[in-house]
Amino acid sequence: MKSVSVLNTQNSFSRTVDNQRRNSHDIEAASYHDKYTNEDLQHYKTTSNNIILFDNILLNKYYNRIKSTCTKKYFDREDNIKYRYRPEALASDVYGIPGLWYLILKVNSCEDCSEFTDFDYVLMPDLNIINDCLTNEEYMLKKQKSR
């Protein structure tokens, strides 16, 4: 897993997401892999407007376990200013990589970055639990064997 620095410009989130697409975290890569190999897992849904929305299969599969083990990170006024609309900056500061921003949004019931604002506290996923969830996944087993 590569670390990508968080940029401090107006377009920083877009560039961070683009960089993360190339330097994906394992839960994302494993989900992407399962999307094409496991026919029993629905990886998308179509809205009434015929918009196709893709899901992160493994995140959905382990969501309850991940959310139930989150810790609360309390925010003061400065934190709310620093991380307003910037879950990638929080992920970078807490985990060392910005690519876990989508986990933070998901466990805090935010659909996008515009909802990531004005918190008393934010739920933070435990990376050990995420790694435990991935341990027995087929993608990860194959990845480890190939090393």
Protein backbone atom coordinates (compact mmCIF):
# COMPACT_ATOMS: atom_id res chain seq x y z
CA MET A 1 0.00 0.00 0.00
CA LYS A 2 1.46 3.35 -1.03
CA SER A 3 1.01 6.56 0.89
CA VAL A 4 -0.20 9.59 -1.00
CA SER A 5 0.15 13.06 0.46
CA VAL A 6 -2.96 15.14 0.95
CA LEU A 7 -2.89 18.26 -1.16
CA ASN A 8 -4.04 21.60 0.24
CA THR A 9 -5.71 23.20 -2.75
CA GLN A 10 -9.31 23.54 -3.81
CA ASN A 11 -9.00 20.46 -6.03
CA SER A 12 -7.13 18.40 -3.44
CA PHE A 13 -9.90 15.88 -2.89
CA SER A 14 -10.27 15.13 -6.61
CA ARG A 15 -6.54 14.69 -7.04
CA THR A 16 -6.32 12.55 -3.91
CA VAL A 17 -9.09 10.29 -5.22
CA ASP A 18 -7.38 10.02 -8.62
CA ASN A 19 -4.09 9.11 -6.96
CA GLN A 20 -5.81 6.56 -4.72
CA ARG A 21 -7.34 4.86 -7.73
CA ARG A 22 -3.78 3.95 -8.69
CA ASN A 23 -2.65 3.25 -5.09
CA SER A 24 -5.71 1.42 -3.79
CA HIS A 25 -6.08 -0.05 -0.29
CA ASP A 26 -6.63 -3.80 -0.04
CA ILE A 27 -10.30 -3.66 0.98
CA GLU A 28 -11.03 -1.65 -2.13
CA ALA A 29 -8.96 -3.85 -4.41
CA ALA A 30 -10.42 -7.05 -2.98
CA SER A 31 -13.95 -5.71 -3.44
CA TYR A 32 -13.16 -4.71 -7.02
CA HIS A 33 -11.77 -8.19 -7.67
CA ASP A 34 -14.86 -9.93 -6.21
CA LYS A 35 -17.12 -7.78 -8.36
CA TYR A 36 -15.99 -9.78 -11.38
CA THR A 37 -15.43 -13.24 -9.92
CA ASN A 38 -18.28 -13.81 -7.47
CA GLU A 39 -21.63 -13.94 -9.27
CA ASP A 40 -23.53 -14.24 -5.96
CA LEU A 41 -22.48 -10.76 -4.84
CA GLN A 42 -24.50 -7.91 -6.26
CA HIS A 43 -22.03 -5.14 -6.93
CA TYR A 44 -24.34 -2.49 -8.32
CA LYS A 45 -27.89 -1.23 -8.21
CA THR A 46 -29.87 0.77 -10.72
CA THR A 47 -31.92 3.71 -9.50
CA SER A 48 -35.31 4.73 -10.86
CA ASN A 49 -33.47 7.21 -13.09
CA ASN A 50 -31.37 4.38 -14.57
CA ILE A 51 -28.23 5.53 -12.79
CA ILE A 52 -25.95 2.64 -11.89
CA LEU A 53 -24.38 2.91 -8.43
CA PHE A 54 -21.46 0.62 -7.59
CA ASP A 55 -20.91 -0.69 -4.08
CA ASN A 56 -17.78 -1.74 -2.26
CA ILE A 57 -18.68 -5.39 -1.78
CA LEU A 58 -16.35 -6.18 1.12
CA LEU A 59 -17.18 -3.01 2.98
CA ASN A 60 -20.87 -3.89 2.77
CA LYS A 61 -20.17 -7.49 3.76
CA TYR A 62 -18.27 -6.49 6.92
CA TYR A 63 -19.95 -3.15 7.62
CA ASN A 64 -21.67 -4.16 10.86
CA ARG A 65 -18.47 -5.62 12.32
CA ILE A 66 -16.41 -2.59 11.28
CA LYS A 67 -18.95 -0.06 12.57
CA SER A 68 -19.50 -1.84 15.91
CA THR A 69 -15.78 -1.64 16.70
CA CYS A 70 -15.23 2.01 15.75
CA THR A 71 -13.80 4.44 18.28
CA LYS A 72 -14.99 8.01 18.72
CA LYS A 73 -12.64 10.82 17.81
CA TYR A 74 -13.99 13.96 19.44
CA PHE A 75 -13.80 17.16 17.41
CA ASP A 76 -13.22 20.62 18.76
CA ARG A 77 -13.74 23.83 16.80
CA GLU A 78 -10.29 23.59 15.17
CA ASP A 79 -10.90 19.99 14.08
CA ASN A 80 -14.22 20.96 12.51
CA ILE A 81 -12.47 23.70 10.56
CA LYS A 82 -9.50 21.54 9.55
CA TYR A 83 -11.52 18.50 8.42
CA ARG A 84 -14.63 20.22 7.05
CA TYR A 85 -15.49 18.37 3.81
CA ARG A 86 -12.06 16.67 4.04
CA PRO A 87 -12.31 13.05 5.22
CA GLU A 88 -9.15 12.34 3.21
CA ALA A 89 -7.20 14.75 5.43
CA LEU A 90 -8.54 13.03 8.57
CA ALA A 91 -7.67 9.60 7.14
CA SER A 92 -4.17 10.84 6.32
CA ASP A 93 -3.65 12.26 9.82
CA VAL A 94 -5.04 9.22 11.66
CA TYR A 95 -4.03 6.30 9.41
CA GLY A 96 -1.14 7.76 7.45
CA ILE A 97 -2.91 7.39 4.09
CA PRO A 98 -5.78 9.43 2.66
CA GLY A 99 -7.26 6.47 0.78
CA LEU A 100 -9.42 5.32 3.68
CA TRP A 101 -11.64 8.40 3.45
CA TYR A 102 -14.57 6.35 2.15
CA LEU A 103 -14.54 4.17 5.28
CA ILE A 104 -14.82 7.25 7.46
CA LEU A 105 -17.70 8.58 5.38
CA LYS A 106 -19.53 5.24 5.44
CA VAL A 107 -19.39 4.62 9.20
CA ASN A 108 -20.48 8.20 9.85
CA SER A 109 -23.50 7.88 7.52
CA CYS A 110 -22.22 10.47 5.07
CA GLU A 111 -23.03 9.88 1.42
CA ASP A 112 -20.43 12.33 0.16
CA CYS A 113 -17.87 14.84 1.38
CA SER A 114 -20.36 17.69 1.50
CA GLU A 115 -21.98 15.98 4.50
CA PHE A 116 -18.68 15.68 6.35
CA THR A 117 -19.01 18.77 8.51
CA ASP A 118 -19.88 20.05 12.01
CA PHE A 119 -19.30 16.95 14.14
CA ASP A 120 -19.08 16.59 17.90
CA TYR A 121 -17.24 13.34 17.20
CA VAL A 122 -16.42 11.10 14.26
CA LEU A 123 -16.46 7.31 14.31
CA MET A 124 -13.08 5.92 13.29
CA PRO A 125 -12.76 2.37 11.94
CA ASP A 126 -10.20 0.09 13.58
CA LEU A 127 -7.62 -1.00 10.97
CA ASN A 128 -6.95 -4.22 12.88
CA ILE A 129 -10.60 -5.22 12.44
CA ILE A 130 -10.46 -4.35 8.75
CA ASN A 131 -7.34 -6.46 8.34
CA ASP A 132 -9.05 -9.34 10.21
CA CYS A 133 -12.02 -9.09 7.85
CA LEU A 134 -9.73 -9.30 4.83
CA THR A 135 -7.58 -12.16 6.11
CA ASN A 136 -9.78 -14.98 4.82
CA GLU A 137 -10.94 -13.36 1.62
CA GLU A 138 -9.95 -15.22 -1.53
CA TYR A 139 -8.30 -12.16 -3.08
CA MET A 140 -6.04 -11.66 -0.07
CA LEU A 141 -5.09 -15.33 0.13
CA LYS A 142 -4.08 -15.29 -3.54
CA LYS A 143 -2.17 -12.05 -3.03
CA GLN A 144 -0.21 -13.51 -0.12
CA LYS A 145 0.60 -16.72 -2.03
CA SER A 146 1.96 -14.75 -4.96
CA ARG A 147 4.54 -12.94 -2.84
